[in-house]
Amino acid sequence: MSKRGVPTGTEPRAEKPRGGRARAVSELLPDVGRAAFRKFGFVQSAVVSRWPEIVGTRYAGVSAPESIKFPQGQRTDGTLNLVVRGAHATMMQHIAPEIVERVNRFFGYGAIARVMIRQGDVPAPRVKAAPPSLKPIPIELGASLRTIADPELKAVLEALAASVAATRGPPTVRSTEE
C-alpha cells in the first residue's frame, strides 16, 4: 500500500478458495478423450472403440474409422471416412450400404449417409479376451447369470456375487495407515 492507502499492486493477494468438490481423474478422462475425438472429427469415441462390434470382426480386421464429417450445423447425413487395407477396398465399396446401416443402427438415427474409403495401413484390432470363469456358477444364484451373453460382464457379476456371498455381518472399513 502507498502512503495514502491506495494499493500499489505489489502486495501478495490472498488466494480465493477453490469451489466445488474434488474430482477423481477418472471423471475427467472421458472429457479429455471426447475433446480429442471431436477435434479429429468424431462425435462419439465409441465408434472407434467398438468398431469390431459395429461392423463385425471380419471387416474390422481390414478397416478402421478415421472420422465422421457432418454438414454445417447438422448431425445427420454425415460422411464416414474409413481407412482400408489395400486390396480390401473393393470389397468394402460393395458393402458400404451395409456399413452405413450398421453405423446408423449403432447411433440410433440416420447419422451417416455415405462412406468414403481411403487405402492405407490398418492397425490390428485389439480384442480383449475375457478371463475365463474358473468356477461354475453357484446353484443358489439361479439362472440369472447363466443368461448373460457378455463374458466380461458375466465374470464381473460372478465376482461381485461371490464377494457379497463371502461377507458376514456389517461391512468394516480399514484404515490405509495400518
C-alpha atoms as a PDB file:
ATOM      1  CA  MET A   1       0.000   0.000   0.000  1.00  0.00           C
ATOM      2  CA  SER A   2       1.109   3.521  -0.657  1.00  0.00           C
ATOM      3  CA  LYS A   3       1.145   6.220   1.980  1.00  0.00           C
ATOM      4  CA  ARG A   4      -2.382   7.241   1.003  1.00  0.00           C
ATOM      5  CA  GLY A   5      -3.821   3.712   1.453  1.00  0.00           C
ATOM      6  CA  VAL A   6      -4.068   3.033  -2.261  1.00  0.00           C
ATOM      7  CA  PRO A   7      -2.960  -0.468  -3.349  1.00  0.00           C
ATOM      8  CA  THR A   8       0.225  -0.422  -5.409  1.00  0.00           C
ATOM      9  CA  GLY A   9      -0.253  -3.844  -6.981  1.00  0.00           C
ATOM     10  CA  THR A  10       2.867  -5.337  -5.413  1.00  0.00           C
ATOM     11  CA  GLU A  11       1.142  -6.753  -2.323  1.00  0.00           C
ATOM     12  CA  PRO A  12       0.597 -10.505  -2.222  1.00  0.00           C
ATOM     13  CA  ARG A  13      -3.016 -11.349  -2.908  1.00  0.00           C
ATOM     14  CA  ALA A  14      -4.941 -13.688  -0.718  1.00  0.00           C
ATOM     15  CA  GLU A  15      -5.873 -16.727  -2.782  1.00  0.00           C
ATOM     16  CA  LYS A  16      -9.543 -17.428  -3.172  1.00  0.00           C
ATOM     17  CA  PRO A  17     -10.635 -20.843  -2.022  1.00  0.00           C
ATOM     18  CA  ARG A  18     -11.454 -23.073  -4.926  1.00  0.00           C
ATOM     19  CA  GLY A  19     -15.077 -24.047  -5.228  1.00  0.00           C
ATOM     20  CA  GLY A  20     -16.587 -27.393  -5.962  1.00  0.00           C
ATOM     21  CA  ARG A  21     -15.730 -30.853  -4.850  1.00  0.00           C
ATOM     22  CA  ALA A  22     -12.581 -32.793  -5.550  1.00  0.00           C
ATOM     23  CA  ARG A  23     -12.999 -34.871  -8.697  1.00  0.00           C
ATOM     24  CA  ALA A  24     -11.344 -38.158  -9.484  1.00  0.00           C
ATOM     25  CA  VAL A  25      -9.110 -38.312 -12.541  1.00  0.00           C
ATOM     26  CA  SER A  26     -11.399 -40.997 -13.993  1.00  0.00           C
ATOM     27  CA  GLU A  27     -14.210 -38.434 -14.076  1.00  0.00           C
ATOM     28  CA  LEU A  28     -12.039 -36.040 -16.093  1.00  0.00           C
ATOM     29  CA  LEU A  29     -10.612 -38.516 -18.622  1.00  0.00           C
ATOM     30  CA  PRO A  30     -13.803 -39.045 -20.666  1.00  0.00           C
ATOM     31  CA  ASP A  31     -13.916 -35.277 -21.206  1.00  0.00           C
ATOM     32  CA  VAL A  32     -10.290 -35.226 -22.369  1.00  0.00           C
ATOM     33  CA  GLY A  33     -10.900 -38.109 -24.788  1.00  0.00           C
ATOM     34  CA  ARG A  34     -14.143 -36.551 -26.029  1.00  0.00           C
ATOM     35  CA  ALA A  35     -12.370 -33.274 -26.823  1.00  0.00           C
ATOM     36  CA  ALA A  36      -9.593 -35.062 -28.694  1.00  0.00           C
ATOM     37  CA  PHE A  37     -12.020 -37.179 -30.714  1.00  0.00           C
ATOM     38  CA  ARG A  38     -14.163 -34.145 -31.598  1.00  0.00           C
ATOM     39  CA  LYS A  39     -11.062 -32.308 -32.782  1.00  0.00           C
ATOM     40  CA  PHE A  40     -10.387 -35.112 -35.243  1.00  0.00           C
ATOM     41  CA  GLY A  41     -13.981 -35.431 -36.421  1.00  0.00           C
ATOM     42  CA  PHE A  42     -15.541 -37.993 -34.098  1.00  0.00           C
ATOM     43  CA  VAL A  43     -18.749 -37.132 -32.342  1.00  0.00           C
ATOM     44  CA  GLN A  44     -18.691 -40.360 -30.393  1.00  0.00           C
ATOM     45  CA  SER A  45     -15.469 -42.071 -29.462  1.00  0.00           C
ATOM     46  CA  ALA A  46     -17.424 -45.313 -29.077  1.00  0.00           C
ATOM     47  CA  VAL A  47     -17.422 -45.694 -32.872  1.00  0.00           C
ATOM     48  CA  VAL A  48     -13.653 -46.170 -32.722  1.00  0.00           C
ATOM     49  CA  SER A  49     -13.539 -48.317 -29.619  1.00  0.00           C
ATOM     50  CA  ARG A  50     -16.489 -50.502 -30.625  1.00  0.00           C
ATOM     51  CA  TRP A  51     -15.777 -50.754 -34.359  1.00  0.00           C
ATOM     52  CA  PRO A  52     -15.475 -54.583 -34.310  1.00  0.00           C
ATOM     53  CA  GLU A  53     -18.915 -54.800 -32.664  1.00  0.00           C
ATOM     54  CA  ILE A  54     -20.452 -52.428 -35.202  1.00  0.00           C
ATOM     55  CA  VAL A  55     -19.196 -53.996 -38.434  1.00  0.00           C
ATOM     56  CA  GLY A  56     -18.062 -57.417 -37.246  1.00  0.00           C
ATOM     57  CA  THR A  57     -14.585 -58.805 -36.716  1.00  0.00           C
ATOM     58  CA  ARG A  58     -14.155 -59.736 -40.381  1.00  0.00           C
ATOM     59  CA  TYR A  59     -14.484 -56.149 -41.619  1.00  0.00           C
ATOM     60  CA  ALA A  60     -12.888 -54.568 -38.540  1.00  0.00           C
ATOM     61  CA  GLY A  61      -9.709 -56.507 -39.265  1.00  0.00           C
ATOM     62  CA  VAL A  62      -9.243 -54.726 -42.599  1.00  0.00           C
ATOM     63  CA  SER A  63     -10.769 -51.297 -41.861  1.00  0.00           C
ATOM     64  CA  ALA A  64     -10.778 -48.579 -39.241  1.00  0.00           C
ATOM     65  CA  PRO A  65     -12.864 -45.394 -38.932  1.00  0.00           C
ATOM     66  CA  GLU A  66     -10.900 -42.160 -39.377  1.00  0.00           C
ATOM     67  CA  SER A  67     -13.570 -39.505 -38.944  1.00  0.00           C
ATOM     68  CA  ILE A  68     -17.204 -38.604 -39.315  1.00  0.00           C
ATOM     69  CA  LYS A  69     -17.947 -35.296 -41.001  1.00  0.00           C
ATOM     70  CA  PHE A  70     -21.388 -33.727 -40.883  1.00  0.00           C
ATOM     71  CA  PRO A  71     -22.796 -30.852 -42.947  1.00  0.00           C
ATOM     72  CA  GLN A  72     -22.508 -27.475 -41.219  1.00  0.00           C
ATOM     73  CA  GLY A  73     -24.823 -27.304 -38.204  1.00  0.00           C
ATOM     74  CA  GLN A  74     -26.290 -30.798 -38.641  1.00  0.00           C
ATOM     75  CA  ARG A  75     -25.852 -34.191 -37.013  1.00  0.00           C
ATOM     76  CA  THR A  76     -27.397 -36.217 -39.827  1.00  0.00           C
ATOM     77  CA  ASP A  77     -26.355 -37.218 -43.348  1.00  0.00           C
ATOM     78  CA  GLY A  78     -22.690 -37.365 -42.383  1.00  0.00           C
ATOM     79  CA  THR A  79     -19.775 -38.942 -44.205  1.00  0.00           C
ATOM     80  CA  LEU A  80     -17.847 -41.749 -42.517  1.00  0.00           C
ATOM     81  CA  ASN A  81     -14.204 -41.792 -43.604  1.00  0.00           C
ATOM     82  CA  LEU A  82     -12.603 -45.235 -43.425  1.00  0.00           C
ATOM     83  CA  VAL A  83      -9.051 -46.363 -43.938  1.00  0.00           C
ATOM     84  CA  VAL A  84      -8.956 -49.809 -45.544  1.00  0.00           C
ATOM     85  CA  ARG A  85      -6.118 -52.232 -46.205  1.00  0.00           C
ATOM     86  CA  GLY A  86      -5.054 -52.257 -49.870  1.00  0.00           C
ATOM     87  CA  ALA A  87      -6.906 -54.953 -51.801  1.00  0.00           C
ATOM     88  CA  HIS A  88      -9.890 -54.949 -49.432  1.00  0.00           C
ATOM     89  CA  ALA A  89     -11.061 -51.529 -50.621  1.00  0.00           C
ATOM     90  CA  THR A  90     -13.100 -53.001 -53.481  1.00  0.00           C
ATOM     91  CA  MET A  91     -14.893 -55.361 -51.118  1.00  0.00           C
ATOM     92  CA  MET A  92     -15.585 -52.509 -48.691  1.00  0.00           C
ATOM     93  CA  GLN A  93     -17.099 -50.445 -51.521  1.00  0.00           C
ATOM     94  CA  HIS A  94     -19.542 -53.259 -52.204  1.00  0.00           C
ATOM     95  CA  ILE A  95     -20.621 -53.499 -48.587  1.00  0.00           C
ATOM     96  CA  ALA A  96     -20.706 -49.715 -47.946  1.00  0.00           C
ATOM     97  CA  PRO A  97     -24.541 -49.661 -47.746  1.00  0.00           C
ATOM     98  CA  GLU A  98     -24.387 -52.359 -45.070  1.00  0.00           C
ATOM     99  CA  ILE A  99     -21.770 -50.367 -43.132  1.00  0.00           C
ATOM    100  CA  VAL A 100     -23.982 -47.265 -43.309  1.00  0.00           C
ATOM    101  CA  GLU A 101     -26.897 -49.317 -41.995  1.00  0.00           C
ATOM    102  CA  ARG A 102     -24.859 -50.794 -39.121  1.00  0.00           C
ATOM    103  CA  VAL A 103     -23.384 -47.452 -38.051  1.00  0.00           C
ATOM    104  CA  ASN A 104     -26.814 -45.799 -38.167  1.00  0.00           C
ATOM    105  CA  ARG A 105     -28.217 -48.660 -36.101  1.00  0.00           C
ATOM    106  CA  PHE A 106     -25.411 -48.047 -33.598  1.00  0.00           C
ATOM    107  CA  PHE A 107     -26.225 -44.318 -33.401  1.00  0.00           C
ATOM    108  CA  GLY A 108     -29.961 -44.943 -33.353  1.00  0.00           C
ATOM    109  CA  TYR A 109     -30.716 -42.454 -36.137  1.00  0.00           C
ATOM    110  CA  GLY A 110     -29.619 -41.659 -39.701  1.00  0.00           C
ATOM    111  CA  ALA A 111     -26.255 -40.158 -38.784  1.00  0.00           C
ATOM    112  CA  ILE A 112     -24.325 -41.493 -41.778  1.00  0.00           C
ATOM    113  CA  ALA A 113     -25.385 -41.130 -45.413  1.00  0.00           C
ATOM    114  CA  ARG A 114     -22.220 -42.267 -47.218  1.00  0.00           C
ATOM    115  CA  VAL A 115     -18.813 -43.837 -46.737  1.00  0.00           C
ATOM    116  CA  MET A 116     -15.537 -42.521 -48.122  1.00  0.00           C
ATOM    117  CA  ILE A 117     -12.759 -45.110 -48.406  1.00  0.00           C
ATOM    118  CA  ARG A 118      -9.034 -44.424 -48.337  1.00  0.00           C
ATOM    119  CA  GLN A 119      -6.445 -47.153 -48.763  1.00  0.00           C
ATOM    120  CA  GLY A 120      -3.839 -47.303 -46.053  1.00  0.00           C
ATOM    121  CA  ASP A 121      -2.324 -49.295 -43.242  1.00  0.00           C
ATOM    122  CA  VAL A 122      -4.834 -50.509 -40.663  1.00  0.00           C
ATOM    123  CA  PRO A 123      -3.590 -51.436 -37.200  1.00  0.00           C
ATOM    124  CA  ALA A 124      -4.652 -54.867 -35.996  1.00  0.00           C
ATOM    125  CA  PRO A 125      -7.781 -54.615 -33.859  1.00  0.00           C
ATOM    126  CA  ARG A 126      -7.195 -55.047 -30.164  1.00  0.00           C
ATOM    127  CA  VAL A 127      -9.523 -57.728 -28.929  1.00  0.00           C
ATOM    128  CA  LYS A 128      -9.512 -58.257 -25.209  1.00  0.00           C
ATOM    129  CA  ALA A 129     -10.159 -61.835 -24.247  1.00  0.00           C
ATOM    130  CA  ALA A 130     -12.405 -62.072 -21.254  1.00  0.00           C
ATOM    131  CA  PRO A 131     -10.908 -64.033 -18.409  1.00  0.00           C
ATOM    132  CA  PRO A 132     -12.475 -67.460 -18.270  1.00  0.00           C
ATOM    133  CA  SER A 133     -14.582 -68.227 -15.264  1.00  0.00           C
ATOM    134  CA  LEU A 134     -12.702 -70.823 -13.244  1.00  0.00           C
ATOM    135  CA  LYS A 135     -15.619 -71.801 -11.022  1.00  0.00           C
ATOM    136  CA  PRO A 136     -19.078 -72.883 -12.055  1.00  0.00           C
ATOM    137  CA  ILE A 137     -21.916 -70.560 -11.183  1.00  0.00           C
ATOM    138  CA  PRO A 138     -23.301 -71.485  -7.763  1.00  0.00           C
ATOM    139  CA  ILE A 139     -26.766 -73.026  -7.802  1.00  0.00           C
ATOM    140  CA  GLU A 140     -28.092 -70.505  -5.251  1.00  0.00           C
ATOM    141  CA  LEU A 141     -27.583 -67.696  -7.794  1.00  0.00           C
ATOM    142  CA  GLY A 142     -30.131 -69.384 -10.025  1.00  0.00           C
ATOM    143  CA  ALA A 143     -30.263 -68.995 -13.777  1.00  0.00           C
ATOM    144  CA  SER A 144     -29.963 -65.198 -13.676  1.00  0.00           C
ATOM    145  CA  LEU A 145     -26.235 -65.165 -14.537  1.00  0.00           C
ATOM    146  CA  ARG A 146     -26.465 -68.073 -16.975  1.00  0.00           C
ATOM    147  CA  THR A 147     -28.419 -65.986 -19.491  1.00  0.00           C
ATOM    148  CA  ILE A 148     -25.839 -63.145 -19.697  1.00  0.00           C
ATOM    149  CA  ALA A 149     -24.132 -63.334 -23.081  1.00  0.00           C
ATOM    150  CA  ASP A 150     -21.301 -60.845 -22.494  1.00  0.00           C
ATOM    151  CA  PRO A 151     -18.454 -62.880 -20.912  1.00  0.00           C
ATOM    152  CA  GLU A 152     -16.766 -59.843 -19.354  1.00  0.00           C
ATOM    153  CA  LEU A 153     -19.969 -58.632 -17.693  1.00  0.00           C
ATOM    154  CA  LYS A 154     -20.745 -62.166 -16.576  1.00  0.00           C
ATOM    155  CA  ALA A 155     -17.296 -62.526 -14.953  1.00  0.00           C
ATOM    156  CA  VAL A 156     -17.648 -59.204 -13.111  1.00  0.00           C
ATOM    157  CA  LEU A 157     -21.121 -60.082 -11.840  1.00  0.00           C
ATOM    158  CA  GLU A 158     -19.925 -63.521 -10.725  1.00  0.00           C
ATOM    159  CA  ALA A 159     -17.046 -61.941  -8.782  1.00  0.00           C
ATOM    160  CA  LEU A 160     -19.423 -59.431  -7.195  1.00  0.00           C
ATOM    161  CA  ALA A 161     -21.875 -62.165  -6.215  1.00  0.00           C
ATOM    162  CA  ALA A 162     -19.070 -64.273  -4.749  1.00  0.00           C
ATOM    163  CA  SER A 163     -17.699 -61.380  -2.690  1.00  0.00           C
ATOM    164  CA  VAL A 164     -21.164 -60.480  -1.409  1.00  0.00           C
ATOM    165  CA  ALA A 165     -21.805 -64.121  -0.504  1.00  0.00           C
ATOM    166  CA  ALA A 166     -18.457 -64.319   1.325  1.00  0.00           C
ATOM    167  CA  THR A 167     -19.141 -61.371   3.647  1.00  0.00           C
ATOM    168  CA  ARG A 168     -20.650 -61.918   7.064  1.00  0.00           C
ATOM    169  CA  GLY A 169     -22.098 -59.172   9.216  1.00  0.00           C
ATOM    170  CA  PRO A 170     -21.869 -55.442   8.617  1.00  0.00           C
ATOM    171  CA  PRO A 171     -19.089 -54.098   6.399  1.00  0.00           C
ATOM    172  CA  THR A 172     -15.887 -52.946   8.063  1.00  0.00           C
ATOM    173  CA  VAL A 173     -13.750 -50.027   6.987  1.00  0.00           C
ATOM    174  CA  ARG A 174      -9.999 -50.464   7.228  1.00  0.00           C
ATOM    175  CA  SER A 175      -7.556 -47.618   7.571  1.00  0.00           C
ATOM    176  CA  THR A 176      -4.892 -47.343   4.882  1.00  0.00           C
ATOM    177  CA  GLU A 177      -2.366 -46.287   7.524  1.00  0.00           C
ATOM    178  CA  GLU A 178      -2.161 -49.770   9.077  1.00  0.00           C
END
